[in-house]
PDB file of N, CA and C in Angstrom:
ATOM      1  N   MET A   1     -35.465 -35.939  51.703  1.00  0.00           N
ATOM      2  CA  MET A   1     -34.905 -36.879  50.818  1.00  0.00           C
ATOM      3  C   MET A   1     -33.593 -36.328  50.263  1.00  0.00           C
ATOM      4  N   LEU A   2     -32.506 -37.168  50.374  1.00  0.00           N
ATOM      5  CA  LEU A   2     -31.112 -36.714  49.993  1.00  0.00           C
ATOM      6  C   LEU A   2     -31.194 -36.640  48.338  1.00  0.00           C
ATOM      7  N   PHE A   3     -31.578 -37.596  47.767  1.00  0.00           N
ATOM      8  CA  PHE A   3     -31.658 -37.556  46.316  1.00  0.00           C
ATOM      9  C   PHE A   3     -33.043 -37.823  45.809  1.00  0.00           C
ATOM     10  N   PRO A   4     -33.631 -36.813  45.113  1.00  0.00           N
ATOM     11  CA  PRO A   4     -34.981 -37.011  44.719  1.00  0.00           C
ATOM     12  C   PRO A   4     -35.081 -38.035  43.620  1.00  0.00           C
ATOM     13  N   ALA A   5     -36.232 -38.727  43.614  1.00  0.00           N
ATOM     14  CA  ALA A   5     -36.570 -39.695  42.629  1.00  0.00           C
ATOM     15  C   ALA A   5     -36.580 -39.128  41.268  1.00  0.00           C
ATOM     16  N   THR A   6     -35.853 -39.579  40.239  1.00  0.00           N
ATOM     17  CA  THR A   6     -35.974 -39.119  38.923  1.00  0.00           C
ATOM     18  C   THR A   6     -36.129 -40.182  37.898  1.00  0.00           C
ATOM     19  N   LYS A   7     -36.598 -39.922  36.773  1.00  0.00           N
ATOM     20  CA  LYS A   7     -36.801 -40.914  35.660  1.00  0.00           C
ATOM     21  C   LYS A   7     -35.540 -40.923  35.003  1.00  0.00           C
ATOM     22  N   PRO A   8     -34.867 -42.232  34.895  1.00  0.00           N
ATOM     23  CA  PRO A   8     -33.657 -42.382  34.153  1.00  0.00           C
ATOM     24  C   PRO A   8     -33.847 -41.975  32.685  1.00  0.00           C
ATOM     25  N   SER A   9     -32.796 -41.432  32.094  1.00  0.00           N
ATOM     26  CA  SER A   9     -32.843 -41.169  30.666  1.00  0.00           C
ATOM     27  C   SER A   9     -31.558 -41.386  30.065  1.00  0.00           C
ATOM     28  N   GLY A  10     -31.450 -41.658  28.804  1.00  0.00           N
ATOM     29  CA  GLY A  10     -30.177 -41.912  28.009  1.00  0.00           C
ATOM     30  C   GLY A  10     -29.830 -43.338  28.221  1.00  0.00           C
ATOM     31  N   SER A  11     -28.608 -43.697  27.672  1.00  0.00           N
ATOM     32  CA  SER A  11     -28.056 -44.960  27.751  1.00  0.00           C
ATOM     33  C   SER A  11     -26.601 -44.953  27.894  1.00  0.00           C
ATOM     34  N   VAL A  12     -25.989 -46.124  28.258  1.00  0.00           N
ATOM     35  CA  VAL A  12     -24.545 -46.231  28.345  1.00  0.00           C
ATOM     36  C   VAL A  12     -24.132 -47.477  27.731  1.00  0.00           C
ATOM     37  N   SER A  13     -23.218 -47.268  26.758  1.00  0.00           N
ATOM     38  CA  SER A  13     -22.589 -48.436  26.111  1.00  0.00           C
ATOM     39  C   SER A  13     -21.058 -48.260  26.113  1.00  0.00           C
ATOM     40  N   PRO A  14     -20.324 -48.730  27.136  1.00  0.00           N
ATOM     41  CA  PRO A  14     -18.946 -48.477  27.222  1.00  0.00           C
ATOM     42  C   PRO A  14     -18.152 -49.224  26.183  1.00  0.00           C
ATOM     43  N   ILE A  15     -17.376 -48.496  25.437  1.00  0.00           N
ATOM     44  CA  ILE A  15     -16.635 -49.106  24.316  1.00  0.00           C
ATOM     45  C   ILE A  15     -15.433 -49.994  24.776  1.00  0.00           C
ATOM     46  N   GLY A  16     -14.808 -49.415  25.810  1.00  0.00           N
ATOM     47  CA  GLY A  16     -13.610 -50.170  26.265  1.00  0.00           C
ATOM     48  C   GLY A  16     -13.851 -51.032  27.403  1.00  0.00           C
ATOM     49  N   GLY A  17     -15.175 -51.376  27.750  1.00  0.00           N
ATOM     50  CA  GLY A  17     -15.626 -52.159  28.877  1.00  0.00           C
ATOM     51  C   GLY A  17     -15.922 -51.440  30.088  1.00  0.00           C
ATOM     52  N   ILE A  18     -16.006 -52.018  31.172  1.00  0.00           N
ATOM     53  CA  ILE A  18     -16.531 -51.403  32.383  1.00  0.00           C
ATOM     54  C   ILE A  18     -15.544 -50.312  32.900  1.00  0.00           C
ATOM     55  N   GLY A  19     -14.271 -50.401  32.553  1.00  0.00           N
ATOM     56  CA  GLY A  19     -13.331 -49.402  32.934  1.00  0.00           C
ATOM     57  C   GLY A  19     -13.576 -47.965  32.401  1.00  0.00           C
ATOM     58  N   ASP A  20     -14.365 -47.988  31.249  1.00  0.00           N
ATOM     59  CA  ASP A  20     -14.823 -46.685  30.726  1.00  0.00           C
ATOM     60  C   ASP A  20     -15.797 -46.004  31.621  1.00  0.00           C
ATOM     61  N   LEU A  21     -16.448 -46.645  32.525  1.00  0.00           N
ATOM     62  CA  LEU A  21     -17.415 -46.075  33.339  1.00  0.00           C
ATOM     63  C   LEU A  21     -16.772 -45.441  34.752  1.00  0.00           C
ATOM     64  N   LEU A  22     -15.506 -45.831  34.947  1.00  0.00           N
ATOM     65  CA  LEU A  22     -14.709 -45.398  36.157  1.00  0.00           C
ATOM     66  C   LEU A  22     -14.147 -44.126  35.839  1.00  0.00           C
ATOM     67  N   ARG A  23     -14.129 -43.234  36.787  1.00  0.00           N
ATOM     68  CA  ARG A  23     -13.628 -41.811  36.555  1.00  0.00           C
ATOM     69  C   ARG A  23     -12.454 -41.575  37.601  1.00  0.00           C
ATOM     70  N   PRO A  24     -11.438 -40.980  37.186  1.00  0.00           N
ATOM     71  CA  PRO A  24     -10.394 -40.508  38.134  1.00  0.00           C
ATOM     72  C   PRO A  24     -10.789 -39.135  38.777  1.00  0.00           C
ATOM     73  N   PRO A  25     -10.185 -38.851  39.830  1.00  0.00           N
ATOM     74  CA  PRO A  25     -10.542 -37.665  40.637  1.00  0.00           C
ATOM     75  C   PRO A  25     -10.655 -36.348  39.774  1.00  0.00           C
ATOM     76  N   GLY A  26      -9.788 -36.248  38.800  1.00  0.00           N
ATOM     77  CA  GLY A  26      -9.820 -35.024  38.028  1.00  0.00           C
ATOM     78  C   GLY A  26     -11.176 -34.885  37.226  1.00  0.00           C
ATOM     79  N   GLU A  27     -11.596 -35.910  36.674  1.00  0.00           N
ATOM     80  CA  GLU A  27     -12.793 -35.913  35.940  1.00  0.00           C
ATOM     81  C   GLU A  27     -14.100 -35.686  36.816  1.00  0.00           C
ATOM     82  N   LEU A  28     -13.953 -35.925  38.017  1.00  0.00           N
ATOM     83  CA  LEU A  28     -15.077 -35.744  38.964  1.00  0.00           C
ATOM     84  C   LEU A  28     -14.994 -34.384  39.619  1.00  0.00           C
ATOM     85  N   GLY A  29     -13.903 -33.566  39.218  1.00  0.00           N
ATOM     86  CA  GLY A  29     -13.884 -32.206  39.889  1.00  0.00           C
ATOM     87  C   GLY A  29     -13.126 -32.282  41.273  1.00  0.00           C
ATOM     88  N   TRP A  30     -12.588 -33.327  41.675  1.00  0.00           N
ATOM     89  CA  TRP A  30     -11.921 -33.476  42.940  1.00  0.00           C
ATOM     90  C   TRP A  30     -10.465 -33.125  42.949  1.00  0.00           C
ATOM     91  N   SER A  31      -9.951 -32.460  41.964  1.00  0.00           N
ATOM     92  CA  SER A  31      -8.516 -32.339  41.803  1.00  0.00           C
ATOM     93  C   SER A  31      -7.920 -31.583  43.056  1.00  0.00           C
ATOM     94  N   ARG A  32      -8.638 -30.652  43.532  1.00  0.00           N
ATOM     95  CA  ARG A  32      -8.055 -29.928  44.688  1.00  0.00           C
ATOM     96  C   ARG A  32      -7.859 -30.795  45.977  1.00  0.00           C
ATOM     97  N   GLY A  33      -8.561 -31.856  45.959  1.00  0.00           N
ATOM     98  CA  GLY A  33      -8.442 -32.805  47.166  1.00  0.00           C
ATOM     99  C   GLY A  33      -7.398 -33.812  47.081  1.00  0.00           C
ATOM    100  N   VAL A  34      -6.566 -33.810  45.945  1.00  0.00           N
ATOM    101  CA  VAL A  34      -5.598 -34.874  45.733  1.00  0.00           C
ATOM    102  C   VAL A  34      -4.225 -34.187  45.750  1.00  0.00           C
ATOM    103  N   ASP A  35      -3.381 -34.744  46.581  1.00  0.00           N
ATOM    104  CA  ASP A  35      -1.994 -34.144  46.657  1.00  0.00           C
ATOM    105  C   ASP A  35      -1.118 -35.114  45.820  1.00  0.00           C
ATOM    106  N   LEU A  36      -0.796 -34.894  44.619  1.00  0.00           N
ATOM    107  CA  LEU A  36      -0.138 -35.792  43.768  1.00  0.00           C
ATOM    108  C   LEU A  36       1.388 -35.888  44.283  1.00  0.00           C
ATOM    109  N   HIS A  37       1.931 -34.924  44.965  1.00  0.00           N
ATOM    110  CA  HIS A  37       3.280 -34.904  45.382  1.00  0.00           C
ATOM    111  C   HIS A  37       3.535 -35.230  46.834  1.00  0.00           C
ATOM    112  N   GLY A  38       2.461 -35.607  47.502  1.00  0.00           N
ATOM    113  CA  GLY A  38       2.541 -36.007  48.909  1.00  0.00           C
ATOM    114  C   GLY A  38       2.806 -37.500  49.096  1.00  0.00           C
ATOM    115  N   ARG A  39       2.247 -38.127  49.974  1.00  0.00           N
ATOM    116  CA  ARG A  39       2.436 -39.482  50.316  1.00  0.00           C
ATOM    117  C   ARG A  39       1.904 -40.355  49.101  1.00  0.00           C
ATOM    118  N   GLY A  40       2.636 -41.529  48.846  1.00  0.00           N
ATOM    119  CA  GLY A  40       2.098 -42.379  47.733  1.00  0.00           C
ATOM    120  C   GLY A  40       0.734 -42.961  48.017  1.00  0.00           C
ATOM    121  N   PHE A  41       0.085 -43.260  46.949  1.00  0.00           N
ATOM    122  CA  PHE A  41      -1.197 -43.883  46.954  1.00  0.00           C
ATOM    123  C   PHE A  41      -1.512 -44.679  45.643  1.00  0.00           C
ATOM    124  N   LEU A  42      -2.440 -45.678  45.601  1.00  0.00           N
ATOM    125  CA  LEU A  42      -2.693 -46.369  44.547  1.00  0.00           C
ATOM    126  C   LEU A  42      -3.049 -45.469  43.304  1.00  0.00           C
ATOM    127  N   ARG A  43      -2.598 -45.816  42.075  1.00  0.00           N
ATOM    128  CA  ARG A  43      -2.912 -45.078  40.853  1.00  0.00           C
ATOM    129  C   ARG A  43      -2.298 -43.716  40.851  1.00  0.00           C
ATOM    130  N   ARG A  44      -1.403 -43.292  41.720  1.00  0.00           N
ATOM    131  CA  ARG A  44      -0.743 -42.060  41.682  1.00  0.00           C
ATOM    132  C   ARG A  44      -0.035 -41.813  40.438  1.00  0.00           C
ATOM    133  N   ASP A  45       0.779 -42.855  39.990  1.00  0.00           N
ATOM    134  CA  ASP A  45       1.477 -42.680  38.685  1.00  0.00           C
ATOM    135  C   ASP A  45       0.546 -42.352  37.537  1.00  0.00           C
ATOM    136  N   ALA A  46      -0.619 -43.032  37.522  1.00  0.00           N
ATOM    137  CA  ALA A  46      -1.518 -42.754  36.477  1.00  0.00           C
ATOM    138  C   ALA A  46      -2.066 -41.333  36.521  1.00  0.00           C
ATOM    139  N   LEU A  47      -2.291 -40.803  37.668  1.00  0.00           N
ATOM    140  CA  LEU A  47      -2.791 -39.415  37.722  1.00  0.00           C
ATOM    141  C   LEU A  47      -1.723 -38.432  37.423  1.00  0.00           C
ATOM    142  N   LEU A  48      -0.322 -38.737  37.788  1.00  0.00           N
ATOM    143  CA  LEU A  48       0.666 -37.859  37.455  1.00  0.00           C
ATOM    144  C   LEU A  48       0.849 -37.820  35.848  1.00  0.00           C
ATOM    145  N   THR A  49       0.659 -39.003  35.175  1.00  0.00           N
ATOM    146  CA  THR A  49       0.693 -39.150  33.692  1.00  0.00           C
ATOM    147  C   THR A  49      -0.404 -38.284  33.082  1.00  0.00           C
ATOM    148  N   GLN A  50      -1.620 -38.443  33.692  1.00  0.00           N
ATOM    149  CA  GLN A  50      -2.692 -37.689  33.132  1.00  0.00           C
ATOM    150  C   GLN A  50      -2.477 -36.203  33.338  1.00  0.00           C
ATOM    151  N   ALA A  51      -1.960 -35.767  34.393  1.00  0.00           N
ATOM    152  CA  ALA A  51      -1.775 -34.299  34.570  1.00  0.00           C
ATOM    153  C   ALA A  51      -0.673 -33.793  33.655  1.00  0.00           C
ATOM    154  N   ALA A  52       0.298 -34.585  33.425  1.00  0.00           N
ATOM    155  CA  ALA A  52       1.329 -34.210  32.400  1.00  0.00           C
ATOM    156  C   ALA A  52       0.817 -34.081  31.061  1.00  0.00           C
ATOM    157  N   ASP A  53      -0.191 -34.920  30.710  1.00  0.00           N
ATOM    158  CA  ASP A  53      -0.822 -34.897  29.411  1.00  0.00           C
ATOM    159  C   ASP A  53      -1.824 -33.783  29.219  1.00  0.00           C
ATOM    160  N   GLY A  54      -1.983 -33.007  30.179  1.00  0.00           N
ATOM    161  CA  GLY A  54      -2.884 -31.859  30.005  1.00  0.00           C
ATOM    162  C   GLY A  54      -4.173 -31.977  30.880  1.00  0.00           C
ATOM    163  N   GLY A  55      -4.246 -32.854  31.699  1.00  0.00           N
ATOM    164  CA  GLY A  55      -5.331 -32.952  32.637  1.00  0.00           C
ATOM    165  C   GLY A  55      -6.358 -33.960  32.184  1.00  0.00           C
ATOM    166  N   PRO A  56      -7.427 -34.087  33.020  1.00  0.00           N
ATOM    167  CA  PRO A  56      -8.506 -35.000  32.736  1.00  0.00           C
ATOM    168  C   PRO A  56      -9.297 -34.813  31.471  1.00  0.00           C
ATOM    169  N   ARG A  57      -9.905 -35.879  30.965  1.00  0.00           N
ATOM    170  CA  ARG A  57     -10.797 -35.714  29.834  1.00  0.00           C
ATOM    171  C   ARG A  57     -12.050 -34.839  30.072  1.00  0.00           C
ATOM    172  N   ARG A  58     -12.521 -34.205  29.156  1.00  0.00           N
ATOM    173  CA  ARG A  58     -13.753 -33.336  29.356  1.00  0.00           C
ATOM    174  C   ARG A  58     -14.829 -34.077  28.565  1.00  0.00           C
ATOM    175  N   PHE A  59     -15.966 -34.064  29.126  1.00  0.00           N
ATOM    176  CA  PHE A  59     -17.049 -34.850  28.514  1.00  0.00           C
ATOM    177  C   PHE A  59     -18.159 -33.793  28.060  1.00  0.00           C
ATOM    178  N   ALA A  60     -18.772 -34.236  26.997  1.00  0.00           N
ATOM    179  CA  ALA A  60     -19.895 -33.419  26.586  1.00  0.00           C
ATOM    180  C   ALA A  60     -21.026 -34.322  26.265  1.00  0.00           C
ATOM    181  N   GLY A  61     -22.248 -33.920  26.476  1.00  0.00           N
ATOM    182  CA  GLY A  61     -23.397 -34.827  26.131  1.00  0.00           C
ATOM    183  C   GLY A  61     -24.327 -34.079  25.275  1.00  0.00           C
ATOM    184  N   ALA A  62     -25.362 -34.876  24.803  1.00  0.00           N
ATOM    185  CA  ALA A  62     -26.354 -34.294  23.893  1.00  0.00           C
ATOM    186  C   ALA A  62     -27.722 -34.860  24.310  1.00  0.00           C
ATOM    187  N   VAL A  63     -28.618 -34.083  24.159  1.00  0.00           N
ATOM    188  CA  VAL A  63     -30.068 -34.558  24.392  1.00  0.00           C
ATOM    189  C   VAL A  63     -30.732 -34.417  23.075  1.00  0.00           C
ATOM    190  N   GLY A  64     -31.274 -35.544  22.574  1.00  0.00           N
ATOM    191  CA  GLY A  64     -31.955 -35.578  21.278  1.00  0.00           C
ATOM    192  C   GLY A  64     -33.461 -35.092  21.373  1.00  0.00           C
ATOM    193  N   ASN A  65     -34.006 -34.731  20.330  1.00  0.00           N
ATOM    194  CA  ASN A  65     -35.388 -34.336  20.194  1.00  0.00           C
ATOM    195  C   ASN A  65     -36.140 -35.635  19.996  1.00  0.00           C
ATOM    196  N   THR A  66     -36.899 -36.146  21.076  1.00  0.00           N
ATOM    197  CA  THR A  66     -37.693 -37.292  20.996  1.00  0.00           C
ATOM    198  C   THR A  66     -38.887 -37.232  20.106  1.00  0.00           C
ATOM    199  N   GLU A  67     -39.292 -35.943  19.798  1.00  0.00           N
ATOM    200  CA  GLU A  67     -40.610 -35.787  19.105  1.00  0.00           C
ATOM    201  C   GLU A  67     -40.241 -35.851  17.591  1.00  0.00           C
ATOM    202  N   GLU A  68     -38.987 -35.614  17.174  1.00  0.00           N
ATOM    203  CA  GLU A  68     -38.736 -35.696  15.785  1.00  0.00           C
ATOM    204  C   GLU A  68     -37.368 -36.321  15.647  1.00  0.00           C
ATOM    205  N   PRO A  69     -37.351 -37.708  15.806  1.00  0.00           N
ATOM    206  CA  PRO A  69     -36.036 -38.375  15.590  1.00  0.00           C
ATOM    207  C   PRO A  69     -35.435 -38.071  14.241  1.00  0.00           C
ATOM    208  N   HIS A  70     -34.137 -38.285  14.232  1.00  0.00           N
ATOM    209  CA  HIS A  70     -33.368 -38.127  13.031  1.00  0.00           C
ATOM    210  C   HIS A  70     -33.826 -39.042  11.903  1.00  0.00           C
ATOM    211  N   PRO A  71     -33.998 -38.574  10.596  1.00  0.00           N
ATOM    212  CA  PRO A  71     -34.587 -39.487   9.732  1.00  0.00           C
ATOM    213  C   PRO A  71     -33.690 -40.799   9.494  1.00  0.00           C
ATOM    214  N   VAL A  72     -32.487 -40.858   9.774  1.00  0.00           N
ATOM    215  CA  VAL A  72     -31.611 -42.037   9.486  1.00  0.00           C
ATOM    216  C   VAL A  72     -32.129 -43.185  10.447  1.00  0.00           C
ATOM    217  N   LEU A  73     -32.882 -42.870  11.493  1.00  0.00           N
ATOM    218  CA  LEU A  73     -33.401 -43.927  12.415  1.00  0.00           C
ATOM    219  C   LEU A  73     -34.358 -44.765  11.793  1.00  0.00           C
ATOM    220  N   GLY A  74     -35.105 -44.182  10.777  1.00  0.00           N
ATOM    221  CA  GLY A  74     -36.113 -44.859   9.910  1.00  0.00           C
ATOM    222  C   GLY A  74     -35.574 -45.744   8.932  1.00  0.00           C
ATOM    223  N   THR A  75     -34.288 -45.722   8.524  1.00  0.00           N
ATOM    224  CA  THR A  75     -33.736 -46.481   7.517  1.00  0.00           C
ATOM    225  C   THR A  75     -33.057 -47.749   8.143  1.00  0.00           C
ATOM    226  N   GLY A  76     -33.087 -47.911   9.433  1.00  0.00           N
ATOM    227  CA  GLY A  76     -32.430 -49.077  10.006  1.00  0.00           C
ATOM    228  C   GLY A  76     -30.947 -49.040   9.901  1.00  0.00           C
ATOM    229  N   GLY A  77     -30.425 -47.861   9.674  1.00  0.00           N
ATOM    230  CA  GLY A  77     -28.810 -47.589   9.574  1.00  0.00           C
ATOM    231  C   GLY A  77     -28.308 -47.867   8.207  1.00  0.00           C
ATOM    232  N   ARG A  78     -29.249 -48.179   7.237  1.00  0.00           N
ATOM    233  CA  ARG A  78     -28.847 -48.468   5.928  1.00  0.00           C
ATOM    234  C   ARG A  78     -28.481 -47.212   5.074  1.00  0.00           C
ATOM    235  N   ARG A  79     -27.469 -47.232   4.254  1.00  0.00           N
ATOM    236  CA  ARG A  79     -27.165 -46.131   3.389  1.00  0.00           C
ATOM    237  C   ARG A  79     -28.318 -45.975   2.258  1.00  0.00           C
ATOM    238  N   GLY A  80     -28.419 -44.832   1.829  1.00  0.00           N
ATOM    239  CA  GLY A  80     -29.378 -44.444   0.873  1.00  0.00           C
ATOM    240  C   GLY A  80     -30.685 -43.927   1.346  1.00  0.00           C
ATOM    241  N   GLY A  81     -30.596 -43.705   2.656  1.00  0.00           N
ATOM    242  CA  GLY A  81     -31.753 -43.040   3.375  1.00  0.00           C
ATOM    243  C   GLY A  81     -31.820 -41.638   2.991  1.00  0.00           C
ATOM    244  N   PRO A  82     -32.698 -40.823   3.753  1.00  0.00           N
ATOM    245  CA  PRO A  82     -32.880 -39.428   3.501  1.00  0.00           C
ATOM    246  C   PRO A  82     -31.562 -38.563   3.570  1.00  0.00           C
ATOM    247  N   ASP A  83     -30.636 -39.049   4.340  1.00  0.00           N
ATOM    248  CA  ASP A  83     -29.480 -38.307   4.537  1.00  0.00           C
ATOM    249  C   ASP A  83     -28.191 -38.878   3.894  1.00  0.00           C
ATOM    250  N   GLY A  84     -28.392 -39.887   3.132  1.00  0.00           N
ATOM    251  CA  GLY A  84     -27.156 -40.496   2.439  1.00  0.00           C
ATOM    252  C   GLY A  84     -27.073 -41.903   2.128  1.00  0.00           C
TER     253      GLY A  84
END
């Protein structure tokens, strides 16, 4: 089996729309395979701008403790709960 079956976890809520789910080659780790100064291709200017701005975005994730959810979850998001 190429990809083992796994149970999905987490959620995705793109703030800027579906475009936030799309990733350029640099964010996928494919930078070595892209020749920015060779033949032209779609979105080349965007990748050159990204490279000039310091490279692709870096992402970090967090996995919460589902056994002990944060107390604010019990307040329904209202102020004045255990944390504020």
